[in-house]
Amino acid sequence: MTMYSRSASPTILLRITDGSVHMHRSFNDFIQAIQSAEAFAGAGFSVAMISATGRFLMGFAPKKGERTAI
């Protein structure tokens, strides 16, 4: 019997933007991805959570107020 191992590729991708530039963060843990997305949104960034297959999962709107550096 052949055993196949799954790759260690990320399952969740965050696309973080301020409207002019964007960056990506990847996570294997869904809860950690949500916590990070909420933190970036709290700092004034718009965040899209995307699955490893490219499907949009959820979005996080930037919080109003002063932007802080991360």
PDB file of N, CA and C in Angstrom:
ATOM      1  N   MET A   1       0.841  -1.180   0.000  1.00  0.00           N
ATOM      2  CA  MET A   1       0.000   0.000   0.000  1.00  0.00           C
ATOM      3  C   MET A   1       0.890   1.249   0.000  1.00  0.00           C
ATOM      4  N   THR A   2       0.612   2.149  -0.886  1.00  0.00           N
ATOM      5  CA  THR A   2       1.390   3.375  -1.003  1.00  0.00           C
ATOM      6  C   THR A   2       0.774   4.458  -0.136  1.00  0.00           C
ATOM      7  N   MET A   3       1.629   5.152   0.604  1.00  0.00           N
ATOM      8  CA  MET A   3       1.144   6.252   1.446  1.00  0.00           C
ATOM      9  C   MET A   3       1.567   7.568   0.810  1.00  0.00           C
ATOM     10  N   TYR A   4       0.633   8.465   0.700  1.00  0.00           N
ATOM     11  CA  TYR A   4       0.908   9.780   0.127  1.00  0.00           C
ATOM     12  C   TYR A   4       0.871  10.815   1.246  1.00  0.00           C
ATOM     13  N   SER A   5       1.832  11.678   1.253  1.00  0.00           N
ATOM     14  CA  SER A   5       1.810  12.754   2.237  1.00  0.00           C
ATOM     15  C   SER A   5       1.353  14.032   1.539  1.00  0.00           C
ATOM     16  N   ARG A   6       0.655  14.822   2.270  1.00  0.00           N
ATOM     17  CA  ARG A   6       0.190  16.088   1.731  1.00  0.00           C
ATOM     18  C   ARG A   6       1.300  17.114   1.831  1.00  0.00           C
ATOM     19  N   SER A   7       1.322  18.028   0.907  1.00  0.00           N
ATOM     20  CA  SER A   7       2.344  19.072   0.926  1.00  0.00           C
ATOM     21  C   SER A   7       2.081  20.035   2.079  1.00  0.00           C
ATOM     22  N   ALA A   8       3.080  20.754   2.458  1.00  0.00           N
ATOM     23  CA  ALA A   8       2.965  21.727   3.540  1.00  0.00           C
ATOM     24  C   ALA A   8       2.569  23.094   2.999  1.00  0.00           C
ATOM     25  N   SER A   9       1.903  23.120   1.875  1.00  0.00           N
ATOM     26  CA  SER A   9       1.514  24.402   1.285  1.00  0.00           C
ATOM     27  C   SER A   9       0.440  25.069   2.141  1.00  0.00           C
ATOM     28  N   PRO A  10       0.390  26.389   2.120  1.00  0.00           N
ATOM     29  CA  PRO A  10      -0.591  27.102   2.938  1.00  0.00           C
ATOM     30  C   PRO A  10      -2.015  26.838   2.467  1.00  0.00           C
ATOM     31  N   THR A  11      -2.924  26.838   3.413  1.00  0.00           N
ATOM     32  CA  THR A  11      -4.320  26.626   3.063  1.00  0.00           C
ATOM     33  C   THR A  11      -5.107  27.932   3.007  1.00  0.00           C
ATOM     34  N   ILE A  12      -4.628  28.959   3.678  1.00  0.00           N
ATOM     35  CA  ILE A  12      -5.315  30.252   3.711  1.00  0.00           C
ATOM     36  C   ILE A  12      -4.329  31.348   3.312  1.00  0.00           C
ATOM     37  N   LEU A  13      -4.756  32.221   2.424  1.00  0.00           N
ATOM     38  CA  LEU A  13      -3.943  33.352   1.999  1.00  0.00           C
ATOM     39  C   LEU A  13      -4.684  34.635   2.351  1.00  0.00           C
ATOM     40  N   LEU A  14      -3.977  35.587   2.965  1.00  0.00           N
ATOM     41  CA  LEU A  14      -4.552  36.906   3.219  1.00  0.00           C
ATOM     42  C   LEU A  14      -3.961  37.888   2.214  1.00  0.00           C
ATOM     43  N   ARG A  15      -4.837  38.632   1.552  1.00  0.00           N
ATOM     44  CA  ARG A  15      -4.395  39.715   0.664  1.00  0.00           C
ATOM     45  C   ARG A  15      -4.701  41.010   1.395  1.00  0.00           C
ATOM     46  N   ILE A  16      -3.664  41.722   1.782  1.00  0.00           N
ATOM     47  CA  ILE A  16      -3.775  42.908   2.628  1.00  0.00           C
ATOM     48  C   ILE A  16      -3.408  44.122   1.794  1.00  0.00           C
ATOM     49  N   THR A  17      -4.292  45.138   1.806  1.00  0.00           N
ATOM     50  CA  THR A  17      -4.043  46.318   0.975  1.00  0.00           C
ATOM     51  C   THR A  17      -4.460  47.599   1.695  1.00  0.00           C
ATOM     52  N   ASP A  18      -3.796  48.683   1.304  1.00  0.00           N
ATOM     53  CA  ASP A  18      -4.196  50.007   1.788  1.00  0.00           C
ATOM     54  C   ASP A  18      -4.756  50.849   0.649  1.00  0.00           C
ATOM     55  N   GLY A  19      -4.965  50.231  -0.499  1.00  0.00           N
ATOM     56  CA  GLY A  19      -5.510  50.932  -1.644  1.00  0.00           C
ATOM     57  C   GLY A  19      -4.469  51.261  -2.703  1.00  0.00           C
ATOM     58  N   SER A  20      -3.215  51.338  -2.315  1.00  0.00           N
ATOM     59  CA  SER A  20      -2.176  51.637  -3.300  1.00  0.00           C
ATOM     60  C   SER A  20      -1.201  50.473  -3.481  1.00  0.00           C
ATOM     61  N   VAL A  21      -0.900  49.766  -2.426  1.00  0.00           N
ATOM     62  CA  VAL A  21      -0.021  48.595  -2.498  1.00  0.00           C
ATOM     63  C   VAL A  21      -0.679  47.442  -1.742  1.00  0.00           C
ATOM     64  N   HIS A  22      -0.260  46.217  -2.047  1.00  0.00           N
ATOM     65  CA  HIS A  22      -0.791  45.085  -1.295  1.00  0.00           C
ATOM     66  C   HIS A  22       0.314  44.083  -0.997  1.00  0.00           C
ATOM     67  N   MET A  23       0.044  43.251   0.000  1.00  0.00           N
ATOM     68  CA  MET A  23       0.969  42.183   0.361  1.00  0.00           C
ATOM     69  C   MET A  23       0.154  40.944   0.703  1.00  0.00           C
ATOM     70  N   HIS A  24       0.830  39.812   0.771  1.00  0.00           N
ATOM     71  CA  HIS A  24       0.176  38.546   1.084  1.00  0.00           C
ATOM     72  C   HIS A  24       0.797  37.921   2.321  1.00  0.00           C
ATOM     73  N   ARG A  25      -0.018  37.264   3.110  1.00  0.00           N
ATOM     74  CA  ARG A  25       0.442  36.446   4.235  1.00  0.00           C
ATOM     75  C   ARG A  25      -0.257  35.105   4.092  1.00  0.00           C
ATOM     76  N   SER A  26       0.436  34.022   4.389  1.00  0.00           N
ATOM     77  CA  SER A  26      -0.171  32.699   4.263  1.00  0.00           C
ATOM     78  C   SER A  26      -0.174  31.986   5.613  1.00  0.00           C
ATOM     79  N   PHE A  27      -1.202  31.166   5.821  1.00  0.00           N
ATOM     80  CA  PHE A  27      -1.395  30.454   7.081  1.00  0.00           C
ATOM     81  C   PHE A  27      -1.878  29.040   6.825  1.00  0.00           C
ATOM     82  N   ASN A  28      -1.461  28.128   7.681  1.00  0.00           N
ATOM     83  CA  ASN A  28      -1.996  26.763   7.667  1.00  0.00           C
ATOM     84  C   ASN A  28      -3.143  26.617   8.655  1.00  0.00           C
ATOM     85  N   ASP A  29      -3.238  27.538   9.604  1.00  0.00           N
ATOM     86  CA  ASP A  29      -4.251  27.479  10.653  1.00  0.00           C
ATOM     87  C   ASP A  29      -5.326  28.542  10.402  1.00  0.00           C
ATOM     88  N   PHE A  30      -6.575  28.107  10.266  1.00  0.00           N
ATOM     89  CA  PHE A  30      -7.676  29.016   9.941  1.00  0.00           C
ATOM     90  C   PHE A  30      -7.890  30.060  11.037  1.00  0.00           C
ATOM     91  N   ILE A  31      -7.859  29.650  12.296  1.00  0.00           N
ATOM     92  CA  ILE A  31      -8.080  30.586  13.409  1.00  0.00           C
ATOM     93  C   ILE A  31      -6.987  31.645  13.444  1.00  0.00           C
ATOM     94  N   GLN A  32      -5.760  31.255  13.233  1.00  0.00           N
ATOM     95  CA  GLN A  32      -4.659  32.213  13.211  1.00  0.00           C
ATOM     96  C   GLN A  32      -4.816  33.193  12.046  1.00  0.00           C
ATOM     97  N   ALA A  33      -5.312  32.713  10.922  1.00  0.00           N
ATOM     98  CA  ALA A  33      -5.544  33.587   9.769  1.00  0.00           C
ATOM     99  C   ALA A  33      -6.615  34.625  10.081  1.00  0.00           C
ATOM    100  N   ILE A  34      -7.679  34.196  10.754  1.00  0.00           N
ATOM    101  CA  ILE A  34      -8.747  35.137  11.130  1.00  0.00           C
ATOM    102  C   ILE A  34      -8.220  36.192  12.097  1.00  0.00           C
ATOM    103  N   GLN A  35      -7.463  35.760  13.101  1.00  0.00           N
ATOM    104  CA  GLN A  35      -6.919  36.709  14.078  1.00  0.00           C
ATOM    105  C   GLN A  35      -5.990  37.718  13.411  1.00  0.00           C
ATOM    106  N   SER A  36      -5.188  37.269  12.492  1.00  0.00           N
ATOM    107  CA  SER A  36      -4.287  38.166  11.775  1.00  0.00           C
ATOM    108  C   SER A  36      -5.074  39.132  10.890  1.00  0.00           C
ATOM    109  N   ALA A  37      -6.086  38.625  10.203  1.00  0.00           N
ATOM    110  CA  ALA A  37      -6.919  39.482   9.350  1.00  0.00           C
ATOM    111  C   ALA A  37      -7.606  40.563  10.174  1.00  0.00           C
ATOM    112  N   GLU A  38      -8.127  40.195  11.332  1.00  0.00           N
ATOM    113  CA  GLU A  38      -8.775  41.176  12.207  1.00  0.00           C
ATOM    114  C   GLU A  38      -7.775  42.222  12.694  1.00  0.00           C
ATOM    115  N   ALA A  39      -6.550  41.795  12.985  1.00  0.00           N
ATOM    116  CA  ALA A  39      -5.529  42.738  13.436  1.00  0.00           C
ATOM    117  C   ALA A  39      -5.161  43.724  12.325  1.00  0.00           C
ATOM    118  N   PHE A  40      -4.982  43.232  11.103  1.00  0.00           N
ATOM    119  CA  PHE A  40      -4.672  44.123   9.986  1.00  0.00           C
ATOM    120  C   PHE A  40      -5.836  45.075   9.711  1.00  0.00           C
ATOM    121  N   ALA A  41      -7.069  44.576   9.772  1.00  0.00           N
ATOM    122  CA  ALA A  41      -8.237  45.442   9.562  1.00  0.00           C
ATOM    123  C   ALA A  41      -8.316  46.495  10.662  1.00  0.00           C
ATOM    124  N   GLY A  42      -8.004  46.107  11.887  1.00  0.00           N
ATOM    125  CA  GLY A  42      -7.997  47.048  12.998  1.00  0.00           C
ATOM    126  C   GLY A  42      -6.950  48.136  12.830  1.00  0.00           C
ATOM    127  N   ALA A  43      -5.892  47.834  12.083  1.00  0.00           N
ATOM    128  CA  ALA A  43      -4.841  48.813  11.824  1.00  0.00           C
ATOM    129  C   ALA A  43      -5.146  49.679  10.604  1.00  0.00           C
ATOM    130  N   GLY A  44      -6.306  49.459   9.970  1.00  0.00           N
ATOM    131  CA  GLY A  44      -6.716  50.317   8.855  1.00  0.00           C
ATOM    132  C   GLY A  44      -6.525  49.733   7.474  1.00  0.00           C
ATOM    133  N   PHE A  45      -6.242  48.433   7.384  1.00  0.00           N
ATOM    134  CA  PHE A  45      -6.048  47.802   6.088  1.00  0.00           C
ATOM    135  C   PHE A  45      -7.293  47.022   5.673  1.00  0.00           C
ATOM    136  N   SER A  46      -7.498  46.883   4.383  1.00  0.00           N
ATOM    137  CA  SER A  46      -8.554  46.038   3.838  1.00  0.00           C
ATOM    138  C   SER A  46      -7.953  44.653   3.606  1.00  0.00           C
ATOM    139  N   VAL A  47      -8.657  43.605   4.049  1.00  0.00           N
ATOM    140  CA  VAL A  47      -8.107  42.250   3.990  1.00  0.00           C
ATOM    141  C   VAL A  47      -9.113  41.315   3.307  1.00  0.00           C
ATOM    142  N   ALA A  48      -8.612  40.511   2.385  1.00  0.00           N
ATOM    143  CA  ALA A  48      -9.412  39.458   1.757  1.00  0.00           C
ATOM    144  C   ALA A  48      -8.793  38.117   2.132  1.00  0.00           C
ATOM    145  N   MET A  49      -9.618  37.193   2.591  1.00  0.00           N
ATOM    146  CA  MET A  49      -9.157  35.850   2.926  1.00  0.00           C
ATOM    147  C   MET A  49      -9.488  34.939   1.750  1.00  0.00           C
ATOM    148  N   ILE A  50      -8.470  34.237   1.244  1.00  0.00           N
ATOM    149  CA  ILE A  50      -8.602  33.430   0.033  1.00  0.00           C
ATOM    150  C   ILE A  50      -8.102  32.021   0.327  1.00  0.00           C
ATOM    151  N   SER A  51      -8.801  31.018  -0.204  1.00  0.00           N
ATOM    152  CA  SER A  51      -8.368  29.632  -0.013  1.00  0.00           C
ATOM    153  C   SER A  51      -7.179  29.319  -0.912  1.00  0.00           C
ATOM    154  N   ALA A  52      -6.549  28.172  -0.676  1.00  0.00           N
ATOM    155  CA  ALA A  52      -5.394  27.772  -1.480  1.00  0.00           C
ATOM    156  C   ALA A  52      -5.769  27.557  -2.944  1.00  0.00           C
ATOM    157  N   THR A  53      -7.052  27.293  -3.211  1.00  0.00           N
ATOM    158  CA  THR A  53      -7.495  27.102  -4.596  1.00  0.00           C
ATOM    159  C   THR A  53      -7.881  28.415  -5.264  1.00  0.00           C
ATOM    160  N   GLY A  54      -7.811  29.534  -4.515  1.00  0.00           N
ATOM    161  CA  GLY A  54      -8.108  30.838  -5.086  1.00  0.00           C
ATOM    162  C   GLY A  54      -9.522  31.326  -4.852  1.00  0.00           C
ATOM    163  N   ARG A  55     -10.298  30.597  -4.082  1.00  0.00           N
ATOM    164  CA  ARG A  55     -11.686  30.988  -3.815  1.00  0.00           C
ATOM    165  C   ARG A  55     -11.750  32.005  -2.679  1.00  0.00           C
ATOM    166  N   PHE A  56     -12.486  33.100  -2.901  1.00  0.00           N
ATOM    167  CA  PHE A  56     -12.675  34.117  -1.870  1.00  0.00           C
ATOM    168  C   PHE A  56     -13.482  33.513  -0.719  1.00  0.00           C
ATOM    169  N   LEU A  57     -12.981  33.670   0.498  1.00  0.00           N
ATOM    170  CA  LEU A  57     -13.678  33.130   1.671  1.00  0.00           C
ATOM    171  C   LEU A  57     -14.418  34.203   2.447  1.00  0.00           C
ATOM    172  N   MET A  58     -13.732  35.298   2.784  1.00  0.00           N
ATOM    173  CA  MET A  58     -14.374  36.409   3.486  1.00  0.00           C
ATOM    174  C   MET A  58     -13.498  37.643   3.416  1.00  0.00           C
ATOM    175  N   GLY A  59     -14.115  38.781   3.669  1.00  0.00           N
ATOM    176  CA  GLY A  59     -13.391  40.042   3.640  1.00  0.00           C
ATOM    177  C   GLY A  59     -13.479  40.754   4.971  1.00  0.00           C
ATOM    178  N   PHE A  60     -12.491  41.570   5.251  1.00  0.00           N
ATOM    179  CA  PHE A  60     -12.448  42.358   6.475  1.00  0.00           C
ATOM    180  C   PHE A  60     -12.241  43.813   6.078  1.00  0.00           C
ATOM    181  N   ALA A  61     -13.190  44.667   6.447  1.00  0.00           N
ATOM    182  CA  ALA A  61     -13.105  46.090   6.116  1.00  0.00           C
ATOM    183  C   ALA A  61     -12.179  46.789   7.101  1.00  0.00           C
ATOM    184  N   PRO A  62     -11.467  47.807   6.630  1.00  0.00           N
ATOM    185  CA  PRO A  62     -10.597  48.553   7.553  1.00  0.00           C
ATOM    186  C   PRO A  62     -11.429  49.293   8.587  1.00  0.00           C
ATOM    187  N   LYS A  63     -10.933  49.345   9.788  1.00  0.00           N
ATOM    188  CA  LYS A  63     -11.613  50.092  10.849  1.00  0.00           C
ATOM    189  C   LYS A  63     -11.347  51.573  10.651  1.00  0.00           C
ATOM    190  N   LYS A  64     -12.317  52.372  10.977  1.00  0.00           N
ATOM    191  CA  LYS A  64     -12.164  53.825  10.867  1.00  0.00           C
ATOM    192  C   LYS A  64     -11.225  54.324  11.951  1.00  0.00           C
ATOM    193  N   GLY A  65     -10.573  55.399  11.675  1.00  0.00           N
ATOM    194  CA  GLY A  65      -9.682  55.981  12.666  1.00  0.00           C
ATOM    195  C   GLY A  65      -8.265  56.076  12.157  1.00  0.00           C
ATOM    196  N   GLU A  66      -7.367  56.274  13.063  1.00  0.00           N
ATOM    197  CA  GLU A  66      -5.961  56.492  12.712  1.00  0.00           C
ATOM    198  C   GLU A  66      -5.275  55.168  12.375  1.00  0.00           C
ATOM    199  N   ARG A  67      -4.504  55.171  11.324  1.00  0.00           N
ATOM    200  CA  ARG A  67      -3.749  53.988  10.904  1.00  0.00           C
ATOM    201  C   ARG A  67      -2.503  53.851  11.761  1.00  0.00           C
ATOM    202  N   THR A  68      -2.223  52.623  12.150  1.00  0.00           N
ATOM    203  CA  THR A  68      -1.016  52.357  12.929  1.00  0.00           C
ATOM    204  C   THR A  68      -0.088  51.460  12.128  1.00  0.00           C
ATOM    205  N   ALA A  69       1.184  51.560  12.380  1.00  0.00           N
ATOM    206  CA  ALA A  69       2.165  50.722  11.670  1.00  0.00           C
ATOM    207  C   ALA A  69       2.167  49.330  12.271  1.00  0.00           C
ATOM    208  N   ILE A  70       2.396  48.335  11.396  1.00  0.00           N
ATOM    209  CA  ILE A  70       2.482  46.940  11.847  1.00  0.00           C
ATOM    210  C   ILE A  70       3.884  46.456  11.587  1.00  0.00           C
TER     211      ILE A  70
END
